[in-house]
């Protein structure tokens, strides 16, 4: 996803379904047991080509939202550990969400620059 490769999903459980739903790409989701899978797959593949820019945009927003979600989990983990082990050192002050993640690659940095405001604006969608 960080490569912004337009992609669809064929699912047999909730994992890919949830991912595509989060991206706003439910129309690119197929199920393995669909009797018309072959015909629908051709249609979805054509859509990947015709709507590539919009699909890339949705993927970029999703990647940045997920990075921020992972960082938020780091905050929660730090608090939970400190509650259980009060001697655990907790940083004070305001910290950027990026400080709860390993260093981002140049590609992820570019995605954050491009989509950070957009991801925040659409977080409630």
Protein backbone atom coordinates (compact mmCIF):
# COMPACT_ATOMS: atom_id res chain seq x y z
CA UNK A 1 0.00 0.00 0.00
CA UNK A 2 2.78 2.54 0.67
CA UNK A 3 3.70 2.17 -3.01
CA UNK A 4 0.19 3.42 -3.92
CA UNK A 5 -0.32 0.48 -6.27
CA UNK A 6 -4.00 0.37 -7.28
CA UNK A 7 -5.33 -2.86 -5.86
CA UNK A 8 -8.53 -4.79 -5.33
CA UNK A 9 -9.35 -7.66 -3.03
CA UNK A 10 -10.84 -11.10 -3.20
CA UNK A 11 -11.83 -12.14 0.28
CA UNK A 12 -13.01 -15.12 2.24
CA UNK A 13 -13.02 -13.36 5.62
CA UNK A 14 -13.11 -9.90 7.17
CA UNK A 15 -9.45 -8.87 6.87
CA UNK A 16 -9.42 -7.73 3.25
CA UNK A 17 -13.04 -6.59 3.50
CA UNK A 18 -12.16 -4.30 6.41
CA UNK A 19 -9.06 -2.98 4.66
CA UNK A 20 -10.93 -2.06 1.48
CA UNK A 21 -13.80 -0.59 3.47
CA UNK A 22 -11.33 1.55 5.40
CA UNK A 23 -9.78 2.72 2.13
CA UNK A 24 -13.22 3.61 0.79
CA UNK A 25 -12.93 0.99 -1.93
CA UNK A 26 -15.81 -1.40 -1.26
CA UNK A 27 -16.50 -1.41 -5.00
CA UNK A 28 -13.15 -3.17 -5.48
CA UNK A 29 -14.03 -6.05 -3.16
CA UNK A 30 -15.01 -9.48 -4.41
CA UNK A 31 -15.71 -12.70 -2.54
CA UNK A 32 -14.18 -16.07 -3.34
CA UNK A 33 -17.55 -17.80 -3.46
CA UNK A 34 -19.21 -15.36 -5.86
CA UNK A 35 -20.60 -17.40 -8.79
CA UNK A 36 -19.86 -14.43 -11.10
CA UNK A 37 -16.34 -13.94 -9.79
CA UNK A 38 -14.62 -14.17 -13.18
CA UNK A 39 -16.87 -11.58 -14.82
CA UNK A 40 -16.72 -9.24 -11.81
CA UNK A 41 -12.94 -9.60 -11.60
CA UNK A 42 -12.54 -8.37 -15.17
CA UNK A 43 -14.75 -5.36 -14.35
CA UNK A 44 -12.77 -4.58 -11.18
CA UNK A 45 -9.46 -4.86 -13.05
CA UNK A 46 -10.73 -2.40 -15.66
CA UNK A 47 -11.72 -0.07 -12.82
CA UNK A 48 -8.22 -0.31 -11.35
CA UNK A 49 -6.94 1.15 -14.62
CA UNK A 50 -9.66 3.76 -15.21
CA UNK A 51 -9.81 5.01 -11.60
CA UNK A 52 -6.13 4.55 -10.74
CA UNK A 53 -5.55 8.10 -9.47
CA UNK A 54 -8.58 8.10 -7.17
CA UNK A 55 -7.65 4.63 -5.89
CA UNK A 56 -4.08 5.77 -5.19
CA UNK A 57 -5.46 8.75 -3.29
CA UNK A 58 -7.63 6.51 -1.09
CA UNK A 59 -4.68 4.22 -0.43
CA UNK A 60 -2.45 7.15 0.54
CA UNK A 61 -5.02 8.49 2.99
CA UNK A 62 -5.43 5.02 4.49
CA UNK A 63 -1.67 4.49 4.93
CA UNK A 64 -1.30 7.79 6.81
CA UNK A 65 -4.36 7.07 8.97
CA UNK A 66 -2.91 3.66 9.83
CA UNK A 67 0.48 5.15 10.73
CA UNK A 68 -1.26 7.52 13.12
CA UNK A 69 -3.30 4.66 14.56
CA UNK A 70 -0.13 2.65 15.20
CA UNK A 71 1.43 5.67 16.91
CA UNK A 72 -1.68 6.07 19.08
CA UNK A 73 -1.33 2.42 20.10
CA UNK A 74 2.22 3.26 21.23
CA UNK A 75 0.84 6.00 23.47
CA UNK A 76 -1.70 3.60 24.97
CA UNK A 77 0.95 0.94 25.49
CA UNK A 78 3.24 3.40 27.24
CA UNK A 79 0.42 4.43 29.58
CA UNK A 80 -0.64 0.84 30.29
CA UNK A 81 2.90 -0.22 31.12
CA UNK A 82 3.35 2.81 33.38
CA UNK A 83 0.10 2.04 35.22
CA UNK A 84 1.22 -1.52 35.87
CA UNK A 85 4.85 -0.58 36.54
CA UNK A 86 4.92 2.95 38.01
CA UNK A 87 8.72 2.94 37.96
CA UNK A 88 8.61 2.66 34.14
CA UNK A 89 9.91 5.96 32.80
CA UNK A 90 7.32 7.93 30.86
CA UNK A 91 8.26 10.99 28.89
CA UNK A 92 6.57 14.22 29.82
CA UNK A 93 5.47 17.02 27.55
CA UNK A 94 3.89 17.03 24.14
CA UNK A 95 5.29 14.60 21.61
CA UNK A 96 4.67 14.22 17.92
CA UNK A 97 2.85 11.10 16.83
CA UNK A 98 5.90 10.19 14.72
CA UNK A 99 7.92 9.71 17.92
CA UNK A 100 5.93 6.55 18.66
CA UNK A 101 7.01 4.90 15.42
CA UNK A 102 10.33 3.74 14.05
CA UNK A 103 11.90 6.18 11.57
CA UNK A 104 9.73 6.46 8.47
CA UNK A 105 11.12 5.73 5.03
CA UNK A 106 11.40 8.57 2.51
CA UNK A 107 8.37 7.18 0.74
CA UNK A 108 6.28 7.19 3.93
CA UNK A 109 7.53 10.71 4.74
CA UNK A 110 6.25 11.85 1.34
CA UNK A 111 2.89 10.20 1.95
CA UNK A 112 2.60 11.91 5.33
CA UNK A 113 3.44 15.28 3.75
CA UNK A 114 0.84 14.72 1.06
CA UNK A 115 -1.98 13.13 3.06
CA UNK A 116 -1.57 14.14 6.71
CA UNK A 117 -4.18 16.92 6.60
CA UNK A 118 -6.46 14.89 4.33
CA UNK A 119 -6.24 11.84 6.61
CA UNK A 120 -7.08 13.94 9.65
CA UNK A 121 -10.03 15.56 7.89
CA UNK A 122 -11.47 12.20 6.83
CA UNK A 123 -10.71 10.27 10.04
CA UNK A 124 -14.37 10.31 11.05
CA UNK A 125 -15.59 8.95 7.71
